[in-house]
């Protein structure tokens, strides 16, 4: 038995509505004991909702493992509330201090330091998430990044190459027009226009990629990982799990709230199979953590690309999504094919 909950992030500020990640899950380990894991906590006020959700639906005040995929505010800030209100066994988080002399310039370093300090004060084990780490008898596995790749990306970020990329992303954001997803619905899947050259920041590429293998299912959580990060994670998947054509994913979290800059046809073909030739049964599920009023996420190019490869796609858009389901809850509506022209 397992349940995975994707909580909605609907943070509104001066720059508009923002998406984020806050994921809670429970599952039975190999000895039948309930385990609770949190991956990211959204913004600060999301932490309270995470705590309430775990108490109400998991009937516990203990979290075995918290994973901070990377230190962007829409992923890390809510974890403070989790550590304050619940008992936590282990926190997995990268420590920039140990990997680069200019760590003090790293964005949100004060949040990282405070979270680690908070954990250590409470006797929580603090571990850096690196490729190959496993927990709960192998049920949970870290697919990436490796320690070397993390250091490479941290150096790229702190040595100033990130500024130009962020400037380009901001320019794109200003030109993007907000539009309700369902107003773009089609009754067919259009020809694929998702490109191969997607770029996301080195900070996003440090995101922890996690695999949950439970009850014969395989679930991949991606944070804001980029194409190169996912390629490396799939190298680990191939080595320890097997060819995804045989050991197919059951559920994939679309990286970076469904951004077109974090996926490409080639990496999707590797993870899910080619359009019309999906791996496994061809009835997998993809989840997008996106705010209802976020004008950028998800990209129709991404949601359509996932559907072409046999995935049913769902977006949080203001709702908690529970997979594979919960008694008394109603079925969510999957996204239809969407117009891609102005994406």
Protein backbone atom coordinates (compact mmCIF):
# COMPACT_ATOMS: atom_id res chain seq x y z
CA UNK A 1 0.00 0.00 0.00
CA UNK A 2 1.24 3.47 -0.79
CA UNK A 3 -0.11 6.98 -1.27
CA UNK A 4 1.61 9.97 -2.83
CA UNK A 5 0.18 13.45 -2.40
CA UNK A 6 1.14 16.43 -4.55
CA UNK A 7 0.03 19.53 -2.67
CA UNK A 8 -0.89 22.63 -4.68
CA UNK A 9 1.32 25.72 -4.44
CA UNK A 10 -0.57 28.92 -5.21
CA UNK A 11 1.78 31.67 -4.08
CA UNK A 12 0.90 35.12 -5.41
CA UNK A 13 3.35 38.01 -5.35
CA UNK A 14 4.49 41.08 -7.26
CA UNK A 15 5.58 38.95 -10.22
CA UNK A 16 2.32 36.99 -10.45
CA UNK A 17 1.35 33.50 -9.38
CA UNK A 18 4.14 31.05 -8.65
CA UNK A 19 4.23 27.28 -8.82
CA UNK A 20 6.19 25.11 -6.40
CA UNK A 21 6.70 21.57 -5.13
CA UNK A 22 5.42 20.00 -1.91
CA UNK A 23 5.10 16.22 -1.95
CA UNK A 24 4.21 13.84 0.88
CA UNK A 25 4.01 10.07 0.67
CA UNK A 26 3.52 7.04 2.84
CA UNK A 27 4.25 3.42 2.08
CA UNK A 28 4.91 0.15 3.84
CA UNK A 29 8.51 -1.03 3.99
CA UNK A 30 9.63 -4.63 3.57
CA UNK A 31 8.68 -5.38 7.19
CA UNK A 32 5.22 -3.86 6.88
CA UNK A 33 6.07 -0.66 8.79
CA UNK A 34 4.59 2.61 7.58
CA UNK A 35 7.19 5.04 6.28
CA UNK A 36 6.54 8.73 5.61
CA UNK A 37 8.67 10.81 3.24
CA UNK A 38 8.45 14.47 2.27
CA UNK A 39 10.06 15.81 -0.90
CA UNK A 40 10.21 19.62 -0.83
CA UNK A 41 7.90 21.89 1.11
CA UNK A 42 6.87 24.71 -1.20
CA UNK A 43 6.80 28.23 0.26
CA UNK A 44 6.76 28.95 3.99
CA UNK A 45 2.96 28.81 4.36
CA UNK A 46 2.88 25.47 2.54
CA UNK A 47 4.69 23.87 5.45
CA UNK A 48 1.61 24.26 7.67
CA UNK A 49 -0.56 22.52 5.08
CA UNK A 50 1.96 19.70 4.77
CA UNK A 51 1.97 19.17 8.52
CA UNK A 52 -1.84 19.14 8.69
CA UNK A 53 -2.05 16.75 5.74
CA UNK A 54 0.37 14.28 7.29
CA UNK A 55 -1.43 14.37 10.63
CA UNK A 56 -4.89 14.02 9.12
CA UNK A 57 -4.31 11.47 6.37
CA UNK A 58 -1.26 9.53 7.54
CA UNK A 59 -2.29 9.56 11.21
CA UNK A 60 1.24 10.29 12.42
CA UNK A 61 3.46 13.10 13.63
CA UNK A 62 6.67 11.42 12.44
CA UNK A 63 8.40 11.80 9.08
CA UNK A 64 11.14 9.28 8.37
CA UNK A 65 12.85 11.28 5.64
CA UNK A 66 12.73 14.81 4.27
CA UNK A 67 14.42 15.53 0.92
CA UNK A 68 15.24 19.07 -0.17
CA UNK A 69 15.76 18.76 -3.91
CA UNK A 70 17.37 22.21 -4.29
CA UNK A 71 17.21 25.53 -2.42
CA UNK A 72 14.79 27.59 -4.51
CA UNK A 73 12.18 29.27 -2.29
CA UNK A 74 9.25 27.44 -3.90
CA UNK A 75 10.78 24.13 -2.81
CA UNK A 76 12.67 24.67 0.45
CA UNK A 77 10.98 27.30 2.61
CA UNK A 78 8.03 25.18 3.74
CA UNK A 79 10.35 22.51 5.14
CA UNK A 80 10.97 24.73 8.18
CA UNK A 81 7.41 24.08 9.35
CA UNK A 82 7.78 20.35 8.85
CA UNK A 83 10.87 20.27 11.09
CA UNK A 84 9.21 22.52 13.67
CA UNK A 85 5.91 20.69 14.00
CA UNK A 86 6.79 17.06 13.34
CA UNK A 87 9.57 14.70 14.40
CA UNK A 88 11.91 13.94 11.52
CA UNK A 89 14.37 11.08 11.25
CA UNK A 90 16.62 12.33 8.45
CA UNK A 91 17.05 15.41 6.29
CA UNK A 92 18.73 15.06 2.90
CA UNK A 93 20.08 18.39 1.69
CA UNK A 94 23.15 19.63 -0.18
CA UNK A 95 25.70 21.67 1.78
CA UNK A 96 27.22 24.33 -0.51
CA UNK A 97 29.71 25.23 2.26
CA UNK A 98 31.51 21.94 1.72
CA UNK A 99 31.87 22.29 -2.03
CA UNK A 100 32.79 25.86 -3.02
CA UNK A 101 34.73 28.69 -1.34
CA UNK A 102 32.23 31.32 -2.51
CA UNK A 103 29.28 29.60 -0.83
CA UNK A 104 28.31 32.84 0.93
CA UNK A 105 27.22 34.25 -2.45
CA UNK A 106 24.83 31.37 -3.09
CA UNK A 107 21.21 32.47 -3.30
CA UNK A 108 19.14 31.37 -0.28
CA UNK A 109 22.25 30.22 1.59
CA UNK A 110 20.72 31.63 4.79
CA UNK A 111 17.67 29.39 4.32
CA UNK A 112 19.89 26.35 3.80
CA UNK A 113 21.93 27.17 6.89
CA UNK A 114 18.83 27.76 9.01
CA UNK A 115 17.23 24.48 7.93
CA UNK A 116 20.38 22.47 8.60
CA UNK A 117 20.84 24.20 11.96
CA UNK A 118 17.22 23.54 12.86
CA UNK A 119 17.64 19.85 12.01
CA UNK A 120 20.87 19.47 13.96
CA UNK A 121 19.35 21.17 17.03
CA UNK A 122 16.58 18.56 16.99
CA UNK A 123 18.93 15.61 16.59
CA UNK A 124 17.89 14.96 12.99
CA UNK A 125 20.44 13.11 10.86
CA UNK A 126 21.60 15.39 8.02
CA UNK A 127 22.86 13.69 4.86
CA UNK A 128 23.86 14.96 1.44
CA UNK A 129 21.79 13.27 -1.29
CA UNK A 130 24.07 11.69 -3.88
CA UNK A 131 23.64 9.08 -6.57
CA UNK A 132 23.43 5.56 -5.17
CA UNK A 133 22.07 6.31 -1.70
CA UNK A 134 19.16 4.05 -0.77
CA UNK A 135 16.73 3.97 2.11
CA UNK A 136 14.07 1.54 3.44
CA UNK A 137 15.71 -1.56 2.01
CA UNK A 138 16.10 -0.05 -1.45
CA UNK A 139 12.50 1.15 -1.79
CA UNK A 140 13.80 4.70 -2.15
CA UNK A 141 16.89 5.46 -4.21
CA UNK A 142 18.71 8.68 -5.14
CA UNK A 143 19.36 8.64 -8.89
CA UNK A 144 21.19 11.95 -9.03
CA UNK A 145 23.17 14.10 -8.92
CA UNK A 146 26.57 12.57 -8.18
CA UNK A 147 28.82 14.53 -5.82
CA UNK A 148 31.09 15.51 -8.72
CA UNK A 149 28.23 16.72 -10.88
CA UNK A 150 26.80 18.73 -7.99
CA UNK A 151 30.15 20.45 -7.46
CA UNK A 152 30.45 21.18 -11.19
CA UNK A 153 27.01 22.81 -11.25
CA UNK A 154 27.61 24.74 -8.04
CA UNK A 155 30.81 26.17 -9.50
CA UNK A 156 29.00 27.08 -12.71
CA UNK A 157 26.37 28.91 -10.66
CA UNK A 158 28.75 30.75 -8.33
CA UNK A 159 31.26 31.65 -11.02
CA UNK A 160 28.70 33.88 -12.70
CA UNK A 161 27.48 31.94 -15.72
CA UNK A 162 23.96 31.79 -14.30
CA UNK A 163 23.24 35.51 -14.65
CA UNK A 164 22.98 35.51 -18.44
CA UNK A 165 20.70 32.48 -18.44
CA UNK A 166 18.37 34.01 -15.86
CA UNK A 167 18.19 37.18 -17.91
CA UNK A 168 17.05 35.21 -20.93
CA UNK A 169 14.43 33.38 -18.88
CA UNK A 170 13.09 36.65 -17.48
CA UNK A 171 12.77 38.12 -20.94
CA UNK A 172 10.72 35.10 -22.00
CA UNK A 173 8.53 35.46 -18.91
CA UNK A 174 7.63 39.05 -19.72
CA UNK A 175 6.47 38.09 -23.21
CA UNK A 176 4.34 35.15 -22.11
CA UNK A 177 0.59 35.67 -22.02
CA UNK A 178 -1.47 34.03 -19.28
CA UNK A 179 -4.16 31.71 -20.59
CA UNK A 180 -6.39 29.12 -18.97
CA UNK A 181 -5.27 25.62 -19.91
CA UNK A 182 -8.68 24.30 -20.89
CA UNK A 183 -9.25 27.23 -23.23
CA UNK A 184 -6.49 25.69 -25.33
CA UNK A 185 -8.00 22.20 -25.49
CA UNK A 186 -7.89 20.18 -28.72
CA UNK A 187 -9.57 16.94 -29.68
CA UNK A 188 -6.34 15.56 -31.18
CA UNK A 189 -2.62 15.57 -30.41
CA UNK A 190 -0.80 18.04 -32.69
CA UNK A 191 2.59 17.38 -34.26
CA UNK A 192 5.35 17.59 -31.67
CA UNK A 193 7.10 20.97 -31.42
CA UNK A 194 9.01 20.43 -28.17
CA UNK A 195 12.64 21.21 -28.96
CA UNK A 196 15.92 19.55 -28.07
CA UNK A 197 17.78 22.63 -26.86
CA UNK A 198 16.04 23.29 -23.56
CA UNK A 199 18.22 25.05 -21.00
CA UNK A 200 17.64 25.47 -17.28
CA UNK A 201 19.96 27.00 -14.71
CA UNK A 202 22.77 25.06 -13.04
CA UNK A 203 20.91 25.59 -9.76
CA UNK A 204 17.88 23.75 -11.14
CA UNK A 205 20.13 21.03 -12.51
CA UNK A 206 21.38 20.27 -8.99
CA UNK A 207 17.88 19.00 -8.17
CA UNK A 208 17.76 15.62 -6.48
CA UNK A 209 16.14 12.96 -8.67
CA UNK A 210 14.52 10.26 -6.56
CA UNK A 211 13.09 6.85 -7.42
CA UNK A 212 10.43 5.12 -5.32
CA UNK A 213 9.97 1.41 -6.08
CA UNK A 214 7.06 -0.03 -4.13
CA UNK A 215 4.33 -2.62 -4.73
CA UNK A 216 5.77 -3.36 -8.16
CA UNK A 217 5.46 0.29 -9.22
CA UNK A 218 8.23 2.78 -10.01
CA UNK A 219 7.83 6.50 -9.40
CA UNK A 220 10.35 9.19 -10.35
CA UNK A 221 10.48 12.59 -8.65
CA UNK A 222 12.50 15.22 -10.49
CA UNK A 223 12.38 18.60 -8.72
CA UNK A 224 13.54 21.17 -11.27
CA UNK A 225 16.09 18.85 -12.93
CA UNK A 226 17.27 19.65 -16.45
CA UNK A 227 17.81 17.48 -19.50
CA UNK A 228 21.44 16.68 -18.69
CA UNK A 229 20.53 15.90 -15.07
CA UNK A 230 17.85 13.48 -16.25
CA UNK A 231 20.23 11.80 -18.70
CA UNK A 232 22.64 11.14 -15.83
CA UNK A 233 19.82 9.93 -13.60
CA UNK A 234 18.71 7.52 -16.32
CA UNK A 235 22.26 6.15 -16.53
CA UNK A 236 21.85 5.18 -12.87
CA UNK A 237 18.35 3.83 -13.53
CA UNK A 238 19.67 1.63 -16.34
CA UNK A 239 22.48 0.34 -14.12
CA UNK A 240 20.47 -0.53 -11.01
CA UNK A 241 16.88 -1.01 -12.18
CA UNK A 242 17.24 -2.02 -15.80
CA UNK A 243 16.12 -0.92 -19.22
CA UNK A 244 13.00 1.25 -18.79
CA UNK A 245 11.57 -0.51 -21.84
CA UNK A 246 11.25 -3.52 -19.51
CA UNK A 247 11.21 -1.82 -16.09
CA UNK A 248 8.88 1.03 -17.04
CA UNK A 249 7.90 3.92 -14.81
CA UNK A 250 4.42 3.97 -13.35
CA UNK A 251 4.45 7.66 -12.54
CA UNK A 252 6.70 10.57 -13.54
CA UNK A 253 6.74 14.00 -11.93
CA UNK A 254 7.29 16.44 -14.80
CA UNK A 255 10.33 18.56 -13.87
CA UNK A 256 10.12 22.28 -13.10
CA UNK A 257 6.32 22.46 -13.11
CA UNK A 258 6.12 21.30 -16.72
CA UNK A 259 8.61 23.78 -18.20
CA UNK A 260 9.58 23.23 -21.83
CA UNK A 261 13.17 24.06 -20.86
CA UNK A 262 13.61 20.91 -18.77
CA UNK A 263 12.56 18.18 -21.21
CA UNK A 264 13.21 17.22 -24.81
CA UNK A 265 11.91 14.54 -27.17
CA UNK A 266 15.14 12.58 -26.80
CA UNK A 267 15.12 12.37 -23.01
CA UNK A 268 11.39 11.61 -23.00
CA UNK A 269 11.96 8.81 -25.51
CA UNK A 270 14.60 7.40 -23.19
CA UNK A 271 12.43 7.61 -20.07
CA UNK A 272 8.99 6.75 -21.49
CA UNK A 273 9.42 5.40 -25.01
CA UNK A 274 8.74 7.01 -28.37
CA UNK A 275 5.43 8.60 -29.42
CA UNK A 276 3.01 5.79 -30.17
CA UNK A 277 5.48 3.25 -28.74
CA UNK A 278 5.42 3.79 -24.97
CA UNK A 279 7.25 1.48 -22.61
CA UNK A 280 5.35 -0.93 -20.39
CA UNK A 281 1.58 -0.96 -20.70
CA UNK A 282 1.46 2.55 -22.09
CA UNK A 283 -0.87 3.61 -19.27
CA UNK A 284 1.50 5.59 -17.07
CA UNK A 285 0.74 8.80 -15.22
CA UNK A 286 2.51 12.16 -15.23
CA UNK A 287 1.96 14.78 -12.53
CA UNK A 288 2.67 18.49 -12.95
CA UNK A 289 2.93 20.71 -9.87
CA UNK A 290 1.66 24.00 -11.29
CA UNK A 291 -0.30 26.95 -9.90
CA UNK A 292 -3.65 27.62 -11.54
CA UNK A 293 -2.73 31.23 -12.33
CA UNK A 294 0.89 30.60 -13.28
CA UNK A 295 1.20 31.88 -16.88
CA UNK A 296 4.26 29.77 -17.74
CA UNK A 297 3.50 26.35 -16.32
CA UNK A 298 2.78 23.81 -17.54
CA UNK A 299 3.91 24.11 -21.13
CA UNK A 300 1.44 22.56 -23.59
CA UNK A 301 4.45 21.32 -25.53
CA UNK A 302 5.40 19.27 -22.49
CA UNK A 303 1.94 17.99 -21.54
CA UNK A 304 1.29 16.95 -25.15
CA UNK A 305 4.70 15.29 -25.40
CA UNK A 306 3.92 13.24 -22.30
CA UNK A 307 0.55 12.20 -23.73
CA UNK A 308 2.16 11.12 -27.00
CA UNK A 309 4.21 8.67 -24.96
CA UNK A 310 1.20 7.05 -23.33
CA UNK A 311 0.98 9.16 -20.16
CA UNK A 312 -2.22 10.47 -18.59
CA UNK A 313 -1.29 13.97 -17.45
CA UNK A 314 -2.66 15.75 -14.39
CA UNK A 315 -1.80 19.17 -12.96
CA UNK A 316 -2.34 20.28 -9.36
CA UNK A 317 -3.81 23.68 -10.39
CA UNK A 318 -5.12 24.44 -6.89
CA UNK A 319 -5.96 20.84 -5.90
CA UNK A 320 -4.22 18.09 -3.95
CA UNK A 321 -3.54 15.16 -6.25
CA UNK A 322 -3.35 11.78 -4.53
CA UNK A 323 -1.85 8.83 -6.39
CA UNK A 324 -3.02 6.13 -6.84
CA UNK A 325 -6.13 7.28 -4.95
CA UNK A 326 -7.87 7.53 -1.60
CA UNK A 327 -11.30 6.33 -0.43
CA UNK A 328 -13.84 9.13 -0.41
CA UNK A 329 -11.91 11.32 -2.84
CA UNK A 330 -13.18 12.05 -6.34
CA UNK A 331 -11.30 11.29 -9.53
CA UNK A 332 -9.21 14.09 -10.97
CA UNK A 333 -9.67 15.19 -14.59
CA UNK A 334 -6.67 14.63 -16.82
CA UNK A 335 -5.45 17.33 -19.15
CA UNK A 336 -6.59 17.15 -22.79
CA UNK A 337 -4.28 17.81 -25.76
CA UNK A 338 -3.48 21.52 -25.86
CA UNK A 339 -2.70 24.10 -28.54
CA UNK A 340 1.08 24.53 -28.80
CA UNK A 341 1.40 27.35 -31.33
CA UNK A 342 2.11 30.28 -28.99
CA UNK A 343 3.76 28.28 -26.21
